Amino acid sequence: MDKIDLLLHARWIIPVEPAGVLEQHCVAVHQGRIVALLPGAEAETRYRAAETLHLPDHALIPGLINAHTHAAMSLLRGLADDLPLMEWLNQHIWPAETARASPEFVHDGTELAIAEMLRGGVTCFNDMYYFPDETARVAARCGMRANVGLIVLDFPTAWASNADEYLHKGIALHDALRDEPLLSVSFAPHAPYTVSDAPLRKIVTYAEELNLQIHMHVHETADEVRQGLEKYGTRPLQRLKELGLLSPSLMAVHMTQLTDEEIAQVAQSGAHVLHCPESNLKLASGFCPVARLIQAGVNVAIGTDGAASNNELDMFAVRLGAIETQPLYDPVSQLVYAAGRHQVTDVWVAGQRLLHERKLTTLDEQAVLARALEWRDKIRT
């Protein structure tokens, strides 16, 4: 018998790729990697595990990926609700960030966000925010997978004074994180209306040289498109195409304002769309034409956006023996339509158990809560 670290027996295993549901199967884990997926009875004769766990009323699925977040903005949750995007940004969020954004703010906000995401089954997040070095530091310490956005803006913030400094710091962080097994980075120019042509051209060049993705808000609102037409004489997506950004490297967030011609261009380019349905609805930004994008062959991923514009980082959950998910005929149906994050009991990343029967193992829940309350009092004043 082969010696391994962990055997996970589950009532159902839903691998997603390939599609289907496996009943009474087992996942074998060794040195942080899945080494086999096989029937439970066969696993018991093939492996001798240091730890064996039985989950008789659970569905075991791959960890969820939150494709677009501003993790530290968890500390701004509920600060300004029910407002259109530009009013929300200009009159509330950006002033609050100007007053409070700091390494400590990002550290504590990211801890709060990771705690929430882990308790909802999320094991990887794609982030965009100031002080990405702090985001990376917290994620690595917590054992969480993350793609850390190297934020770029034209205007100064607490993180950098101009676009060149944002890029310089971002490339330095890319180099510093080369050996972090759970972390990666992407360039993260905020949006077409906050980043001018010159830094965008540099980002295209650096992204090609370093083989990095580009993570950017694009066509989030009708107002953004109107501004683009007024300032540049063209729609933002067309401007990005002319600058060389519309390529397989682009992860375009929101994309609620798309013509049929633009959908065809996105499909042809190989760019990806990161769909944030709850935040789009909450900020009255519009509706991403997901069905038409998928039909055209575009890869569409799902994100929550930041907790300040969505108010939660919830995607969905996995324990199916509760009242809310009974009777159960199809576990996939229950996951999509009935389950909630409160039903997630256990989460592993790279073989490490980060959530154990609803309790966080790499974060001090009470300390996270205490710091969130301290920040509430600072921000409110």
Protein backbone atom coordinates (compact mmCIF):
# COMPACT_ATOMS: atom_id res chain seq x y z
CA MET A 1 0.00 0.00 0.00
CA ASP A 2 1.19 3.50 -0.83
CA LYS A 3 1.61 5.90 2.07
CA ILE A 4 -0.10 9.27 1.57
CA ASP A 5 -1.14 12.25 3.69
CA LEU A 6 -4.92 12.32 3.35
CA LEU A 7 -7.92 10.35 2.10
CA LEU A 8 -11.19 12.25 1.72
CA HIS A 9 -14.28 10.05 1.37
CA ALA A 10 -17.45 11.87 0.27
CA ARG A 11 -21.05 10.97 -0.55
CA TRP A 12 -20.61 12.79 -3.86
CA ILE A 13 -17.56 14.12 -5.66
CA ILE A 14 -18.29 16.66 -8.40
CA PRO A 15 -15.07 17.23 -10.35
CA VAL A 16 -16.67 19.77 -12.76
CA GLU A 17 -14.17 18.80 -15.47
CA PRO A 18 -15.08 16.28 -16.75
CA ALA A 19 -18.76 16.81 -16.00
CA GLY A 20 -20.60 14.31 -13.85
CA VAL A 21 -21.17 13.17 -10.29
CA LEU A 22 -19.18 10.38 -8.65
CA GLU A 23 -20.87 8.61 -5.73
CA GLN A 24 -19.01 7.08 -2.80
CA HIS A 25 -15.64 8.11 -4.19
CA CYS A 26 -12.46 9.30 -2.58
CA VAL A 27 -9.78 11.94 -3.17
CA ALA A 28 -6.23 10.94 -2.29
CA VAL A 29 -3.87 13.79 -1.36
CA HIS A 30 -0.11 13.70 -0.84
CA GLN A 31 2.34 16.54 -0.37
CA GLY A 32 -0.28 19.12 -1.22
CA ARG A 33 -1.43 17.53 -4.46
CA ILE A 34 -4.32 15.30 -5.51
CA VAL A 35 -2.74 12.01 -6.58
CA ALA A 36 -5.90 10.02 -7.32
CA LEU A 37 -9.69 10.16 -7.59
CA LEU A 38 -11.17 6.70 -7.20
CA PRO A 39 -13.95 4.61 -5.60
CA GLY A 40 -13.80 4.64 -1.81
CA ALA A 41 -13.46 0.87 -1.43
CA GLU A 42 -10.54 0.78 -3.86
CA ALA A 43 -8.83 3.67 -2.06
CA GLU A 44 -8.86 1.79 1.25
CA THR A 45 -6.95 -1.12 -0.29
CA ARG A 46 -4.54 1.01 -2.30
CA TYR A 47 -3.50 3.70 0.18
CA ARG A 48 -2.45 3.97 3.81
CA ALA A 49 -3.26 7.55 4.82
CA ALA A 50 -1.92 9.52 7.76
CA GLU A 51 -5.43 11.00 8.02
CA THR A 52 -8.75 9.67 6.72
CA LEU A 53 -11.90 11.77 6.74
CA HIS A 54 -15.43 10.59 5.95
CA LEU A 55 -18.01 13.12 4.71
CA PRO A 56 -21.19 11.03 4.41
CA ASP A 57 -23.62 13.85 3.54
CA HIS A 58 -21.28 16.17 1.67
CA ALA A 59 -20.51 17.03 -1.91
CA LEU A 60 -16.77 17.51 -2.43
CA ILE A 61 -15.99 19.99 -5.20
CA PRO A 62 -12.95 21.95 -6.44
CA GLY A 63 -12.38 25.14 -4.50
CA LEU A 64 -14.32 28.10 -5.82
CA ILE A 65 -12.44 30.90 -7.61
CA ASN A 66 -13.55 34.47 -7.02
CA ALA A 67 -12.52 36.00 -10.33
CA HIS A 68 -12.69 39.67 -9.31
CA THR A 69 -12.22 41.19 -5.87
CA HIS A 70 -10.98 44.27 -4.04
CA ALA A 71 -10.30 42.29 -0.87
CA ALA A 72 -9.28 45.13 1.44
CA MET A 73 -12.50 47.00 0.67
CA SER A 74 -14.27 44.59 3.01
CA LEU A 75 -13.62 47.30 5.60
CA LEU A 76 -15.88 49.62 3.57
CA ARG A 77 -18.80 47.19 3.46
CA GLY A 78 -22.08 49.10 3.72
CA LEU A 79 -20.40 52.52 3.84
CA ALA A 80 -22.34 53.87 0.84
CA ASP A 81 -25.26 51.84 -0.49
CA ASP A 82 -27.77 52.21 -3.33
CA LEU A 83 -25.84 54.74 -5.39
CA PRO A 84 -24.75 54.80 -9.05
CA LEU A 85 -21.11 53.88 -9.68
CA MET A 86 -19.56 57.31 -10.25
CA GLU A 87 -21.37 58.96 -7.34
CA TRP A 88 -20.44 55.98 -5.16
CA LEU A 89 -16.78 56.27 -6.18
CA ASN A 90 -16.27 60.04 -6.31
CA GLN A 91 -18.28 61.14 -3.30
CA HIS A 92 -17.83 58.23 -0.90
CA ILE A 93 -15.32 55.48 -1.66
CA TRP A 94 -12.38 57.46 -3.02
CA PRO A 95 -12.57 60.06 -0.21
CA ALA A 96 -12.65 57.29 2.38
CA GLU A 97 -9.67 55.60 0.74
CA THR A 98 -7.76 58.87 0.54
CA ALA A 99 -8.25 59.32 4.26
CA ARG A 100 -7.59 55.75 5.38
CA ALA A 101 -5.79 53.63 2.76
CA SER A 102 -2.53 52.31 4.23
CA PRO A 103 -0.63 49.05 4.57
CA GLU A 104 -2.48 48.40 7.83
CA PHE A 105 -5.86 49.02 6.20
CA VAL A 106 -5.06 46.59 3.38
CA HIS A 107 -3.65 43.98 5.78
CA ASP A 108 -6.69 43.98 8.04
CA GLY A 109 -9.22 44.26 5.23
CA THR A 110 -7.63 41.39 3.33
CA GLU A 111 -7.67 39.20 6.42
CA LEU A 112 -11.37 39.92 6.84
CA ALA A 113 -12.01 39.12 3.18
CA ILE A 114 -10.03 35.87 3.22
CA ALA A 115 -11.82 34.76 6.36
CA GLU A 116 -15.17 35.37 4.67
CA MET A 117 -14.16 33.72 1.41
CA LEU A 118 -12.79 30.59 3.08
CA ARG A 119 -16.01 30.22 5.05
CA GLY A 120 -17.80 30.29 1.69
CA GLY A 121 -15.65 27.70 -0.07
CA VAL A 122 -13.46 30.14 -2.03
CA THR A 123 -9.86 28.96 -2.28
CA CYS A 124 -8.49 31.44 -4.84
CA PHE A 125 -9.20 35.11 -5.54
CA ASN A 126 -8.17 37.56 -8.26
CA ASP A 127 -7.56 40.92 -6.61
CA MET A 128 -7.10 44.56 -7.58
CA TYR A 129 -6.19 47.12 -4.93
CA TYR A 130 -3.56 49.43 -3.46
CA PHE A 131 -0.63 47.98 -1.49
CA PRO A 132 -0.74 44.65 -3.33
CA ASP A 133 2.37 43.61 -1.40
CA GLU A 134 0.22 43.51 1.75
CA THR A 135 -2.48 41.51 -0.03
CA ALA A 136 0.15 39.02 -1.14
CA ARG A 137 1.69 38.82 2.34
CA VAL A 138 -1.64 38.06 4.01
CA ALA A 139 -2.70 35.51 1.39
CA ALA A 140 0.61 33.65 1.65
CA ARG A 141 0.47 33.56 5.44
CA CYS A 142 -3.11 32.28 5.41
CA GLY A 143 -2.35 29.58 2.83
CA MET A 144 -4.78 31.10 0.30
CA ARG A 145 -4.28 31.09 -3.47
CA ALA A 146 -4.38 34.55 -5.03
CA ASN A 147 -3.66 36.42 -8.22
CA VAL A 148 -2.53 39.82 -6.97
CA GLY A 149 -3.26 42.77 -9.23
CA LEU A 150 -0.46 45.27 -9.85
CA ILE A 151 -2.69 48.34 -9.71
CA VAL A 152 -2.05 51.25 -12.13
CA LEU A 153 -3.75 54.66 -12.16
CA ASP A 154 -2.89 58.06 -13.61
CA PHE A 155 -3.46 59.89 -10.33
CA PRO A 156 -1.57 59.68 -7.02
CA THR A 157 -2.70 57.54 -4.09
CA ALA A 158 -1.09 56.35 -0.89
CA TRP A 159 0.52 53.52 -2.90
CA ALA A 160 2.16 55.51 -5.73
CA SER A 161 2.38 59.05 -7.12
CA ASN A 162 2.05 58.43 -10.87
CA ALA A 163 1.66 55.67 -13.45
CA ASP A 164 5.40 55.06 -13.75
CA GLU A 165 5.75 54.53 -10.00
CA TYR A 166 2.78 52.13 -9.97
CA LEU A 167 4.46 50.12 -12.73
CA HIS A 168 7.88 50.20 -11.06
CA LYS A 169 6.46 48.96 -7.76
CA GLY A 170 4.34 46.38 -9.51
CA ILE A 171 7.24 44.85 -11.42
CA ALA A 172 9.31 44.78 -8.22
CA LEU A 173 6.50 42.86 -6.50
CA HIS A 174 6.29 40.45 -9.44
CA ASP A 175 9.98 39.70 -8.96
CA ALA A 176 9.62 39.31 -5.19
CA LEU A 177 6.81 36.76 -5.52
CA ARG A 178 8.50 34.48 -8.05
CA ASP A 179 8.98 31.68 -5.52
CA GLU A 180 5.59 31.89 -3.81
CA PRO A 181 3.81 28.66 -4.89
CA LEU A 182 0.26 29.88 -4.18
CA LEU A 183 0.59 33.40 -5.58
CA SER A 184 0.70 34.94 -9.03
CA VAL A 185 0.34 38.50 -10.29
CA SER A 186 -1.29 40.36 -13.16
CA PHE A 187 -1.17 43.96 -14.29
CA ALA A 188 -4.28 45.77 -13.05
CA PRO A 189 -4.88 49.11 -14.79
CA HIS A 190 -8.02 50.28 -13.04
CA ALA A 191 -10.22 51.32 -15.98
CA PRO A 192 -10.12 53.12 -19.34
CA TYR A 193 -11.26 56.36 -17.68
CA THR A 194 -8.49 56.32 -15.04
CA VAL A 195 -5.49 55.18 -17.11
CA SER A 196 -4.23 57.08 -20.15
CA ASP A 197 -2.70 55.75 -23.35
CA ALA A 198 1.00 55.94 -22.47
CA PRO A 199 0.91 53.66 -19.38
CA LEU A 200 -1.47 51.27 -21.15
CA ARG A 201 1.05 50.87 -23.99
CA LYS A 202 3.78 50.16 -21.42
CA ILE A 203 1.55 47.58 -19.73
CA VAL A 204 1.02 45.76 -23.03
CA THR A 205 4.79 45.60 -23.54
CA TYR A 206 5.56 44.47 -19.98
CA ALA A 207 2.73 41.90 -20.03
CA GLU A 208 4.16 40.33 -23.18
CA GLU A 209 7.70 40.32 -21.79
CA LEU A 210 6.69 38.84 -18.43
CA ASN A 211 3.85 36.62 -19.72
CA LEU A 212 1.29 38.26 -17.40
CA GLN A 213 -2.45 38.79 -17.69
CA ILE A 214 -4.07 42.26 -17.64
CA HIS A 215 -6.98 42.68 -15.20
CA MET A 216 -9.15 45.75 -15.89
CA HIS A 217 -12.65 47.18 -15.44
CA VAL A 218 -14.07 47.64 -18.95
CA HIS A 219 -17.47 48.91 -20.15
CA GLU A 220 -18.84 48.80 -16.62
CA THR A 221 -21.45 51.52 -17.19
CA ALA A 222 -23.07 53.52 -19.98
CA ASP A 223 -21.46 56.63 -18.45
CA GLU A 224 -17.99 55.11 -18.91
CA VAL A 225 -18.72 54.54 -22.60
CA ARG A 226 -20.04 58.10 -22.95
CA GLN A 227 -16.90 59.51 -21.31
CA GLY A 228 -14.73 57.47 -23.65
CA LEU A 229 -16.53 58.80 -26.70
CA GLU A 230 -16.25 62.39 -25.46
CA LYS A 231 -12.57 62.21 -24.50
CA TYR A 232 -11.09 59.85 -27.09
CA GLY A 233 -13.69 59.84 -29.85
CA THR A 234 -14.19 56.10 -29.58
CA ARG A 235 -15.76 53.50 -27.31
CA PRO A 236 -13.38 52.25 -24.59
CA LEU A 237 -13.16 48.70 -25.91
CA GLN A 238 -12.18 49.96 -29.36
CA ARG A 239 -9.53 52.18 -27.77
CA LEU A 240 -8.13 49.19 -25.88
CA LYS A 241 -8.06 47.21 -29.12
CA GLU A 242 -6.13 49.97 -30.85
CA LEU A 243 -3.65 50.04 -27.95
CA GLY A 244 -3.09 46.26 -28.16
CA LEU A 245 -4.91 45.25 -24.97
CA LEU A 246 -7.69 43.22 -26.60
CA SER A 247 -5.94 39.84 -26.57
CA PRO A 248 -5.94 36.52 -24.66
CA SER A 249 -4.09 38.37 -21.88
CA LEU A 250 -7.06 40.62 -21.06
CA MET A 251 -9.40 39.84 -18.16
CA ALA A 252 -12.16 42.41 -18.73
CA VAL A 253 -14.37 42.98 -15.69
CA HIS A 254 -18.10 43.80 -15.87
CA MET A 255 -18.61 44.36 -19.63
CA THR A 256 -22.27 45.39 -19.26
CA GLN A 257 -22.28 47.66 -22.33
CA LEU A 258 -21.54 45.53 -25.40
CA THR A 259 -22.76 45.62 -28.97
CA ASP A 260 -23.00 42.48 -31.10
CA GLU A 261 -19.90 43.63 -32.98
CA GLU A 262 -17.97 44.04 -29.71
CA ILE A 263 -18.99 40.57 -28.53
CA ALA A 264 -17.63 39.17 -31.80
CA GLN A 265 -14.38 41.13 -31.33
CA VAL A 266 -13.93 39.83 -27.78
CA ALA A 267 -14.53 36.26 -28.94
CA GLN A 268 -12.07 36.60 -31.81
CA SER A 269 -9.42 38.14 -29.56
CA GLY A 270 -9.50 35.37 -26.96
CA ALA A 271 -10.04 37.87 -24.13
CA HIS A 272 -11.84 36.76 -20.97
CA VAL A 273 -14.84 38.37 -19.27
CA LEU A 274 -15.13 38.50 -15.48
CA HIS A 275 -18.84 38.76 -14.65
CA CYS A 276 -19.90 40.35 -11.33
CA PRO A 277 -23.71 40.08 -11.37
CA GLU A 278 -24.54 41.21 -7.83
CA SER A 279 -22.36 44.30 -7.89
CA ASN A 280 -23.63 45.27 -11.34
CA LEU A 281 -27.19 45.12 -10.03
CA LYS A 282 -26.43 46.89 -6.75
CA LEU A 283 -24.70 49.81 -8.50
CA ALA A 284 -27.29 49.85 -11.32
CA SER A 285 -24.45 49.43 -13.82
CA GLY A 286 -26.32 47.24 -16.28
CA PHE A 287 -26.43 43.61 -17.36
CA CYS A 288 -23.53 41.66 -18.83
CA PRO A 289 -24.80 39.69 -21.87
CA VAL A 290 -23.44 36.42 -20.52
CA ALA A 291 -25.49 34.07 -22.69
CA ARG A 292 -24.46 35.84 -25.89
CA LEU A 293 -20.80 35.93 -24.82
CA ILE A 294 -20.77 32.21 -24.06
CA GLN A 295 -22.58 31.45 -27.29
CA ALA A 296 -19.89 33.40 -29.14
CA GLY A 297 -17.20 31.30 -27.45
CA VAL A 298 -15.97 33.78 -24.85
CA ASN A 299 -14.61 32.40 -21.57
CA VAL A 300 -16.75 33.94 -18.78
CA ALA A 301 -15.72 33.70 -15.12
CA ILE A 302 -17.68 34.83 -12.07
CA GLY A 303 -16.57 37.25 -9.36
CA THR A 304 -18.18 39.09 -6.48
CA ASP A 305 -16.39 42.44 -6.84
CA GLY A 306 -15.43 44.06 -3.53
CA ALA A 307 -17.62 43.82 -0.45
CA ALA A 308 -18.11 47.59 -0.62
CA SER A 309 -20.03 47.27 -3.89
CA ASN A 310 -21.63 43.87 -3.33
CA ASN A 311 -21.67 43.68 0.47
CA GLU A 312 -20.63 40.04 0.49
CA LEU A 313 -18.01 37.73 -0.99
CA ASP A 314 -20.37 34.78 -1.28
CA MET A 315 -20.34 32.44 -4.27
CA PHE A 316 -22.01 29.22 -2.98
CA ALA A 317 -21.54 26.20 -0.75
CA VAL A 318 -21.22 22.36 -0.47
CA ARG A 319 -22.84 20.49 2.43
CA LEU A 320 -26.12 19.01 1.21
CA GLY A 321 -27.63 17.22 4.20
CA ALA A 322 -29.41 20.26 5.63
CA ILE A 323 -33.11 21.14 5.59
CA GLU A 324 -32.54 23.79 2.93
CA THR A 325 -31.26 21.26 0.38
CA GLN A 326 -33.67 18.36 0.91
CA PRO A 327 -35.03 16.31 -0.71
CA LEU A 328 -32.03 15.80 -2.94
CA TYR A 329 -32.43 14.36 -6.43
CA ASP A 330 -29.44 15.96 -8.16
CA PRO A 331 -26.50 17.30 -6.10
CA VAL A 332 -25.41 19.67 -8.89
CA SER A 333 -28.88 21.23 -8.98
CA GLN A 334 -28.80 21.73 -5.22
CA LEU A 335 -25.37 23.37 -5.38
CA VAL A 336 -26.47 25.84 -8.02
CA TYR A 337 -29.99 26.64 -6.86
CA ALA A 338 -30.38 25.80 -3.16
CA ALA A 339 -27.12 25.63 -1.22
CA GLY A 340 -25.70 28.53 0.82
CA ARG A 341 -22.25 29.41 2.11
CA HIS A 342 -23.27 28.57 5.68
CA GLN A 343 -23.25 24.91 4.55
CA VAL A 344 -19.53 24.89 3.76
CA THR A 345 -17.82 22.95 6.54
CA ASP A 346 -14.27 22.22 5.40
CA VAL A 347 -11.82 23.76 2.93
CA TRP A 348 -8.37 22.61 1.81
CA VAL A 349 -5.76 24.48 -0.23
CA ALA A 350 -2.66 22.61 -1.39
CA GLY A 351 -3.39 19.89 1.15
CA GLN A 352 -3.72 22.28 4.10
CA ARG A 353 -7.05 22.37 5.92
CA LEU A 354 -7.88 26.07 6.19
CA LEU A 355 -11.47 25.56 7.41
CA HIS A 356 -12.16 22.75 9.86
CA GLU A 357 -15.83 22.18 10.65
CA ARG A 358 -16.55 25.90 10.07
CA LYS A 359 -13.54 27.08 12.11
CA LEU A 360 -10.65 28.94 10.49
CA THR A 361 -7.28 27.33 11.12
CA THR A 362 -4.84 30.01 9.89
CA LEU A 363 -6.72 33.12 11.03
CA ASP A 364 -7.73 34.30 14.50
CA GLU A 365 -11.43 34.98 14.01
CA GLN A 366 -11.81 37.11 17.12
CA ALA A 367 -8.79 39.23 16.26
CA VAL A 368 -10.12 39.76 12.71
CA LEU A 369 -13.47 40.86 14.11
CA ALA A 370 -11.86 43.19 16.65
CA ARG A 371 -9.80 44.95 14.00
CA ALA A 372 -12.83 45.30 11.72
CA LEU A 373 -14.65 47.11 14.54
CA GLU A 374 -11.67 49.40 15.13
CA TRP A 375 -11.61 50.35 11.45
CA ARG A 376 -15.36 50.99 11.48
CA ASP A 377 -14.90 53.54 14.24
CA LYS A 378 -11.97 55.22 12.44
CA ILE A 379 -13.74 55.40 9.09
CA ARG A 380 -17.03 56.58 10.55
CA THR A 381 -15.29 59.60 12.05
